[in-house]
Amino acid sequence: MVDFLGKGWKFPIRVNGRGWLSYSSGAQSIAEAIWIILSTPPNTRVMQPEFGCGIHDYIFAPNNPNTIATVTHEVHSALLRWEPRIDVLDVRVMSHAETPNTLLIYVDYRIRANNAFHNIVYPFYINEG
């Protein structure tokens, strides 16, 4: 049943107990793909320079409503473009109360193939410049 969602190398890449590469499939594969999209800056992949999410341009941005709105837009746009297996339901970006230089990116999504609802929280660290 989960084969239609895909199967790929586990992220981060690791070796299992038998010395083979570990794989992930189904909803876990999608969650790992979202994490890869968000953690990859554009122009870092030679064969796909447009792949990734533009949030890394805001590492030295101030932690203010403008930065939060821009990061929200960048995440939403990147997921719409690079992860066709999901419908992005909501993206919320909030400052972390205990560490003001951390933005928590909440992504709510639905897997198109089975309508299962999932969410992830991605921490994004900014260093105000």
N, C-alpha and C. Protein backbone atom coordinates (compact mmCIF):
# COMPACT_ATOMS: atom_id res chain seq x y z
N MET A 1 0.82 -1.20 0.00
CA MET A 1 0.00 0.00 0.00
C MET A 1 0.86 1.26 0.00
N VAL A 2 2.01 1.26 0.70
CA VAL A 2 2.82 2.46 0.76
C VAL A 2 3.74 2.60 -0.44
N ASP A 3 3.81 1.63 -1.32
CA ASP A 3 4.70 1.70 -2.48
C ASP A 3 4.35 2.88 -3.39
N PHE A 4 3.09 3.24 -3.46
CA PHE A 4 2.72 4.35 -4.34
C PHE A 4 3.19 5.70 -3.81
N LEU A 5 3.63 5.76 -2.56
CA LEU A 5 4.17 7.01 -2.00
C LEU A 5 5.66 7.13 -2.25
N GLY A 6 6.29 6.06 -2.66
CA GLY A 6 7.70 6.11 -2.99
C GLY A 6 8.58 5.52 -1.90
N LYS A 7 9.81 5.25 -2.30
CA LYS A 7 10.80 4.69 -1.39
C LYS A 7 12.14 5.29 -1.78
N GLY A 8 12.95 5.64 -0.81
CA GLY A 8 14.25 6.22 -1.10
C GLY A 8 15.18 6.10 0.08
N TRP A 9 16.39 6.61 -0.09
CA TRP A 9 17.36 6.58 0.99
C TRP A 9 16.84 7.34 2.19
N LYS A 10 17.11 6.82 3.36
CA LYS A 10 16.73 7.49 4.60
C LYS A 10 17.53 8.78 4.72
N PHE A 11 16.93 9.80 5.32
CA PHE A 11 17.62 11.06 5.52
C PHE A 11 17.74 11.32 7.01
N PRO A 12 18.92 11.59 7.51
CA PRO A 12 20.18 11.59 6.79
C PRO A 12 20.58 10.16 6.41
N ILE A 13 21.43 10.06 5.40
CA ILE A 13 21.85 8.75 4.90
C ILE A 13 22.56 8.00 6.02
N ARG A 14 22.16 6.74 6.20
CA ARG A 14 22.78 5.92 7.24
C ARG A 14 22.82 4.46 6.81
N VAL A 15 23.65 3.71 7.47
CA VAL A 15 23.82 2.29 7.18
C VAL A 15 23.08 1.50 8.25
N ASN A 16 22.38 0.44 7.82
CA ASN A 16 21.66 -0.38 8.78
C ASN A 16 22.59 -1.44 9.39
N GLY A 17 22.06 -2.31 10.23
CA GLY A 17 22.84 -3.33 10.92
C GLY A 17 23.47 -4.36 10.00
N ARG A 18 22.98 -4.50 8.80
CA ARG A 18 23.52 -5.48 7.86
C ARG A 18 24.57 -4.86 6.93
N GLY A 19 24.85 -3.57 7.12
CA GLY A 19 25.84 -2.91 6.28
C GLY A 19 25.28 -2.33 5.00
N TRP A 20 23.96 -2.34 4.84
CA TRP A 20 23.30 -1.80 3.66
C TRP A 20 22.79 -0.40 3.97
N LEU A 21 22.48 0.34 2.95
CA LEU A 21 21.85 1.64 3.16
C LEU A 21 20.45 1.47 3.72
N SER A 22 20.07 2.36 4.62
CA SER A 22 18.71 2.34 5.17
C SER A 22 17.79 3.08 4.21
N TYR A 23 16.56 2.60 4.09
CA TYR A 23 15.57 3.21 3.22
C TYR A 23 14.36 3.62 4.03
N SER A 24 13.64 4.60 3.51
CA SER A 24 12.37 4.97 4.11
C SER A 24 11.31 4.94 3.01
N SER A 25 10.08 4.73 3.43
CA SER A 25 8.99 4.68 2.45
C SER A 25 7.73 5.25 3.08
N GLY A 26 6.75 5.47 2.25
CA GLY A 26 5.46 5.95 2.71
C GLY A 26 5.52 7.36 3.26
N ALA A 27 4.77 7.59 4.32
CA ALA A 27 4.66 8.92 4.93
C ALA A 27 6.01 9.40 5.47
N GLN A 28 6.83 8.47 5.94
CA GLN A 28 8.16 8.86 6.43
C GLN A 28 9.02 9.40 5.30
N SER A 29 8.92 8.81 4.12
CA SER A 29 9.67 9.28 2.96
C SER A 29 9.26 10.71 2.60
N ILE A 30 7.98 11.00 2.68
CA ILE A 30 7.49 12.34 2.37
C ILE A 30 7.98 13.35 3.40
N ALA A 31 7.91 13.00 4.68
CA ALA A 31 8.38 13.90 5.73
C ALA A 31 9.87 14.19 5.56
N GLU A 32 10.65 13.18 5.21
CA GLU A 32 12.07 13.39 4.99
C GLU A 32 12.32 14.24 3.75
N ALA A 33 11.49 14.08 2.72
CA ALA A 33 11.62 14.91 1.51
C ALA A 33 11.33 16.37 1.83
N ILE A 34 10.33 16.63 2.66
CA ILE A 34 10.03 18.00 3.07
C ILE A 34 11.21 18.59 3.82
N TRP A 35 11.80 17.82 4.71
CA TRP A 35 12.95 18.28 5.48
C TRP A 35 14.12 18.61 4.54
N ILE A 36 14.33 17.78 3.51
CA ILE A 36 15.41 18.02 2.55
C ILE A 36 15.15 19.30 1.77
N ILE A 37 13.91 19.51 1.34
CA ILE A 37 13.57 20.73 0.60
C ILE A 37 13.85 21.97 1.44
N LEU A 38 13.42 21.94 2.70
CA LEU A 38 13.58 23.10 3.56
C LEU A 38 15.04 23.34 3.96
N SER A 39 15.83 22.29 4.01
CA SER A 39 17.22 22.46 4.46
C SER A 39 18.20 22.67 3.32
N THR A 40 17.73 22.67 2.07
CA THR A 40 18.61 22.86 0.93
C THR A 40 18.48 24.27 0.38
N PRO A 41 19.55 25.06 0.42
CA PRO A 41 19.51 26.39 -0.21
C PRO A 41 19.55 26.25 -1.73
N PRO A 42 18.85 27.11 -2.46
CA PRO A 42 18.96 27.09 -3.93
C PRO A 42 20.41 27.30 -4.36
N ASN A 43 20.72 26.81 -5.55
CA ASN A 43 22.06 26.91 -6.14
C ASN A 43 23.12 26.08 -5.43
N THR A 44 22.73 25.06 -4.68
CA THR A 44 23.72 24.19 -4.05
C THR A 44 23.78 22.82 -4.72
N ARG A 45 22.82 22.50 -5.56
CA ARG A 45 22.85 21.23 -6.30
C ARG A 45 23.26 21.52 -7.74
N VAL A 46 24.30 20.85 -8.18
CA VAL A 46 24.85 21.13 -9.50
C VAL A 46 23.85 20.80 -10.60
N MET A 47 23.20 19.67 -10.52
CA MET A 47 22.29 19.23 -11.58
C MET A 47 20.89 19.85 -11.46
N GLN A 48 20.55 20.38 -10.31
CA GLN A 48 19.26 21.03 -10.10
C GLN A 48 19.47 22.31 -9.28
N PRO A 49 20.00 23.35 -9.89
CA PRO A 49 20.34 24.55 -9.12
C PRO A 49 19.13 25.27 -8.53
N GLU A 50 17.94 25.08 -9.07
CA GLU A 50 16.76 25.76 -8.54
C GLU A 50 16.14 25.02 -7.35
N PHE A 51 16.56 23.78 -7.11
CA PHE A 51 15.98 22.97 -6.03
C PHE A 51 16.28 23.59 -4.68
N GLY A 52 15.32 23.53 -3.79
CA GLY A 52 15.51 23.97 -2.42
C GLY A 52 14.52 25.05 -2.01
N CYS A 53 14.83 25.68 -0.90
CA CYS A 53 13.96 26.69 -0.32
C CYS A 53 14.77 27.95 -0.04
N GLY A 54 14.22 29.09 -0.38
CA GLY A 54 14.92 30.36 -0.25
C GLY A 54 15.03 30.93 1.14
N ILE A 55 14.66 30.17 2.16
CA ILE A 55 14.72 30.71 3.52
C ILE A 55 16.15 31.00 3.96
N HIS A 56 17.10 30.36 3.34
CA HIS A 56 18.49 30.53 3.77
C HIS A 56 19.04 31.92 3.43
N ASP A 57 18.33 32.65 2.59
CA ASP A 57 18.71 34.04 2.31
C ASP A 57 18.41 34.95 3.51
N TYR A 58 17.69 34.44 4.49
CA TYR A 58 17.24 35.26 5.62
C TYR A 58 17.92 34.87 6.93
N ILE A 59 19.05 34.20 6.84
CA ILE A 59 19.77 33.79 8.05
C ILE A 59 20.18 35.00 8.88
N PHE A 60 20.54 36.10 8.22
CA PHE A 60 20.97 37.29 8.94
C PHE A 60 19.90 38.37 8.99
N ALA A 61 18.66 37.99 8.74
CA ALA A 61 17.56 38.95 8.79
C ALA A 61 17.11 39.17 10.23
N PRO A 62 16.52 40.32 10.52
CA PRO A 62 16.00 40.55 11.87
C PRO A 62 14.77 39.68 12.13
N ASN A 63 14.58 39.34 13.37
CA ASN A 63 13.42 38.55 13.76
C ASN A 63 12.24 39.50 13.94
N ASN A 64 11.55 39.77 12.81
CA ASN A 64 10.41 40.70 12.86
C ASN A 64 9.29 40.15 11.97
N PRO A 65 8.12 40.77 11.99
CA PRO A 65 6.99 40.28 11.21
C PRO A 65 7.26 40.18 9.71
N ASN A 66 8.08 41.08 9.17
CA ASN A 66 8.40 41.03 7.75
C ASN A 66 9.19 39.76 7.40
N THR A 67 10.18 39.43 8.21
CA THR A 67 10.96 38.22 7.99
C THR A 67 10.09 36.98 8.13
N ILE A 68 9.23 36.97 9.13
CA ILE A 68 8.34 35.83 9.35
C ILE A 68 7.42 35.64 8.15
N ALA A 69 6.85 36.72 7.61
CA ALA A 69 5.97 36.61 6.45
C ALA A 69 6.73 36.12 5.21
N THR A 70 7.95 36.61 5.03
CA THR A 70 8.75 36.20 3.89
C THR A 70 9.14 34.74 3.97
N VAL A 71 9.54 34.28 5.15
CA VAL A 71 9.90 32.88 5.35
C VAL A 71 8.68 31.99 5.11
N THR A 72 7.52 32.42 5.59
CA THR A 72 6.28 31.66 5.35
C THR A 72 6.03 31.50 3.85
N HIS A 73 6.17 32.58 3.12
CA HIS A 73 5.96 32.53 1.66
C HIS A 73 6.98 31.62 0.99
N GLU A 74 8.24 31.72 1.36
CA GLU A 74 9.30 30.89 0.76
C GLU A 74 9.04 29.41 0.99
N VAL A 75 8.66 29.05 2.21
CA VAL A 75 8.39 27.64 2.53
C VAL A 75 7.20 27.13 1.72
N HIS A 76 6.13 27.89 1.70
CA HIS A 76 4.93 27.47 0.98
C HIS A 76 5.23 27.30 -0.51
N SER A 77 5.93 28.25 -1.10
CA SER A 77 6.27 28.18 -2.53
C SER A 77 7.16 26.99 -2.84
N ALA A 78 8.16 26.74 -2.00
CA ALA A 78 9.08 25.63 -2.25
C ALA A 78 8.37 24.29 -2.16
N LEU A 79 7.49 24.13 -1.18
CA LEU A 79 6.78 22.85 -1.05
C LEU A 79 5.80 22.63 -2.20
N LEU A 80 5.14 23.69 -2.63
CA LEU A 80 4.24 23.55 -3.78
C LEU A 80 5.01 23.13 -5.03
N ARG A 81 6.20 23.65 -5.18
CA ARG A 81 6.98 23.36 -6.38
C ARG A 81 7.65 21.99 -6.35
N TRP A 82 8.22 21.61 -5.19
CA TRP A 82 9.10 20.45 -5.17
C TRP A 82 8.51 19.19 -4.55
N GLU A 83 7.36 19.24 -3.93
CA GLU A 83 6.78 18.02 -3.35
C GLU A 83 5.38 17.81 -3.87
N PRO A 84 5.26 17.12 -5.02
CA PRO A 84 3.95 16.94 -5.65
C PRO A 84 3.04 15.91 -4.96
N ARG A 85 3.57 15.18 -3.99
CA ARG A 85 2.76 14.14 -3.33
C ARG A 85 1.88 14.70 -2.22
N ILE A 86 1.99 16.01 -1.94
CA ILE A 86 1.24 16.57 -0.83
C ILE A 86 0.44 17.79 -1.25
N ASP A 87 -0.58 18.11 -0.45
CA ASP A 87 -1.28 19.39 -0.50
C ASP A 87 -0.85 20.14 0.75
N VAL A 88 -0.29 21.32 0.58
CA VAL A 88 0.13 22.13 1.72
C VAL A 88 -1.12 22.81 2.27
N LEU A 89 -1.48 22.47 3.49
CA LEU A 89 -2.68 23.03 4.11
C LEU A 89 -2.39 24.33 4.84
N ASP A 90 -1.24 24.39 5.52
CA ASP A 90 -0.93 25.59 6.28
C ASP A 90 0.56 25.64 6.57
N VAL A 91 1.12 26.83 6.54
CA VAL A 91 2.49 27.08 6.96
C VAL A 91 2.44 28.22 7.96
N ARG A 92 2.92 27.97 9.17
CA ARG A 92 2.98 28.99 10.20
C ARG A 92 4.41 29.12 10.68
N VAL A 93 4.86 30.33 10.83
CA VAL A 93 6.22 30.58 11.33
C VAL A 93 6.08 31.42 12.60
N MET A 94 6.71 30.94 13.67
CA MET A 94 6.64 31.64 14.94
C MET A 94 8.01 31.73 15.58
N SER A 95 8.23 32.80 16.30
CA SER A 95 9.47 32.92 17.06
C SER A 95 9.41 31.98 18.25
N HIS A 96 10.52 31.36 18.54
CA HIS A 96 10.61 30.48 19.69
C HIS A 96 10.78 31.36 20.93
N ALA A 97 9.96 31.13 21.93
CA ALA A 97 9.93 32.01 23.11
C ALA A 97 11.26 32.00 23.88
N GLU A 98 11.89 30.85 24.01
CA GLU A 98 13.09 30.75 24.82
C GLU A 98 14.36 31.15 24.07
N THR A 99 14.35 30.98 22.77
CA THR A 99 15.52 31.37 21.96
C THR A 99 15.04 32.29 20.85
N PRO A 100 15.21 33.59 21.01
CA PRO A 100 14.64 34.55 20.07
C PRO A 100 15.23 34.48 18.66
N ASN A 101 16.36 33.83 18.48
CA ASN A 101 16.93 33.71 17.15
C ASN A 101 16.55 32.41 16.47
N THR A 102 15.49 31.78 16.94
CA THR A 102 14.98 30.55 16.32
C THR A 102 13.56 30.78 15.85
N LEU A 103 13.32 30.49 14.59
CA LEU A 103 11.96 30.49 14.06
C LEU A 103 11.51 29.05 13.92
N LEU A 104 10.35 28.74 14.42
CA LEU A 104 9.78 27.40 14.26
C LEU A 104 8.80 27.45 13.10
N ILE A 105 9.05 26.60 12.11
CA ILE A 105 8.22 26.55 10.91
C ILE A 105 7.31 25.33 11.03
N TYR A 106 6.01 25.57 11.18
CA TYR A 106 5.02 24.51 11.28
C TYR A 106 4.41 24.30 9.90
N VAL A 107 4.47 23.07 9.40
CA VAL A 107 3.90 22.75 8.10
C VAL A 107 2.84 21.67 8.29
N ASP A 108 1.61 22.01 7.94
CA ASP A 108 0.51 21.05 7.94
C ASP A 108 0.25 20.65 6.50
N TYR A 109 0.20 19.35 6.24
CA TYR A 109 0.01 18.89 4.87
C TYR A 109 -0.82 17.61 4.84
N ARG A 110 -1.37 17.36 3.68
CA ARG A 110 -2.18 16.16 3.45
C ARG A 110 -1.52 15.39 2.31
N ILE A 111 -1.36 14.10 2.50
CA ILE A 111 -0.83 13.25 1.44
C ILE A 111 -1.94 13.01 0.44
N ARG A 112 -1.69 13.37 -0.81
CA ARG A 112 -2.73 13.29 -1.84
C ARG A 112 -3.24 11.87 -2.09
N ALA A 113 -2.36 10.90 -2.01
CA ALA A 113 -2.73 9.53 -2.37
C ALA A 113 -3.72 8.90 -1.39
N ASN A 114 -3.67 9.28 -0.12
CA ASN A 114 -4.55 8.63 0.86
C ASN A 114 -5.26 9.61 1.79
N ASN A 115 -5.11 10.91 1.55
CA ASN A 115 -5.76 11.97 2.35
C ASN A 115 -5.36 11.95 3.82
N ALA A 116 -4.22 11.37 4.14
CA ALA A 116 -3.75 11.35 5.53
C ALA A 116 -3.14 12.71 5.87
N PHE A 117 -3.51 13.22 7.03
CA PHE A 117 -3.03 14.53 7.50
C PHE A 117 -1.76 14.33 8.31
N HIS A 118 -0.74 15.16 8.05
CA HIS A 118 0.52 15.10 8.78
C HIS A 118 1.01 16.52 9.03
N ASN A 119 1.97 16.64 9.93
CA ASN A 119 2.61 17.93 10.14
C ASN A 119 4.04 17.72 10.59
N ILE A 120 4.87 18.74 10.36
CA ILE A 120 6.24 18.72 10.85
C ILE A 120 6.55 20.10 11.41
N VAL A 121 7.57 20.15 12.25
CA VAL A 121 8.07 21.42 12.77
C VAL A 121 9.55 21.47 12.41
N TYR A 122 9.91 22.50 11.67
CA TYR A 122 11.28 22.67 11.20
C TYR A 122 11.89 23.88 11.91
N PRO A 123 12.98 23.70 12.65
CA PRO A 123 13.61 24.85 13.31
C PRO A 123 14.52 25.58 12.32
N PHE A 124 14.39 26.89 12.26
CA PHE A 124 15.23 27.71 11.39
C PHE A 124 15.92 28.74 12.26
N TYR A 125 17.24 28.73 12.21
CA TYR A 125 18.03 29.60 13.08
C TYR A 125 18.49 30.83 12.33
N ILE A 126 18.17 31.98 12.89
CA ILE A 126 18.61 33.24 12.29
C ILE A 126 19.62 33.90 13.21
N ASN A 127 20.54 34.60 12.62
CA ASN A 127 21.53 35.38 13.37
C ASN A 127 21.38 36.81 12.92
N GLU A 128 20.68 37.58 13.71
CA GLU A 128 20.40 38.95 13.31
C GLU A 128 21.70 39.69 13.02
N GLY A 129 21.75 40.30 11.81
CA GLY A 129 22.98 40.96 11.39
C GLY A 129 22.92 42.47 11.58
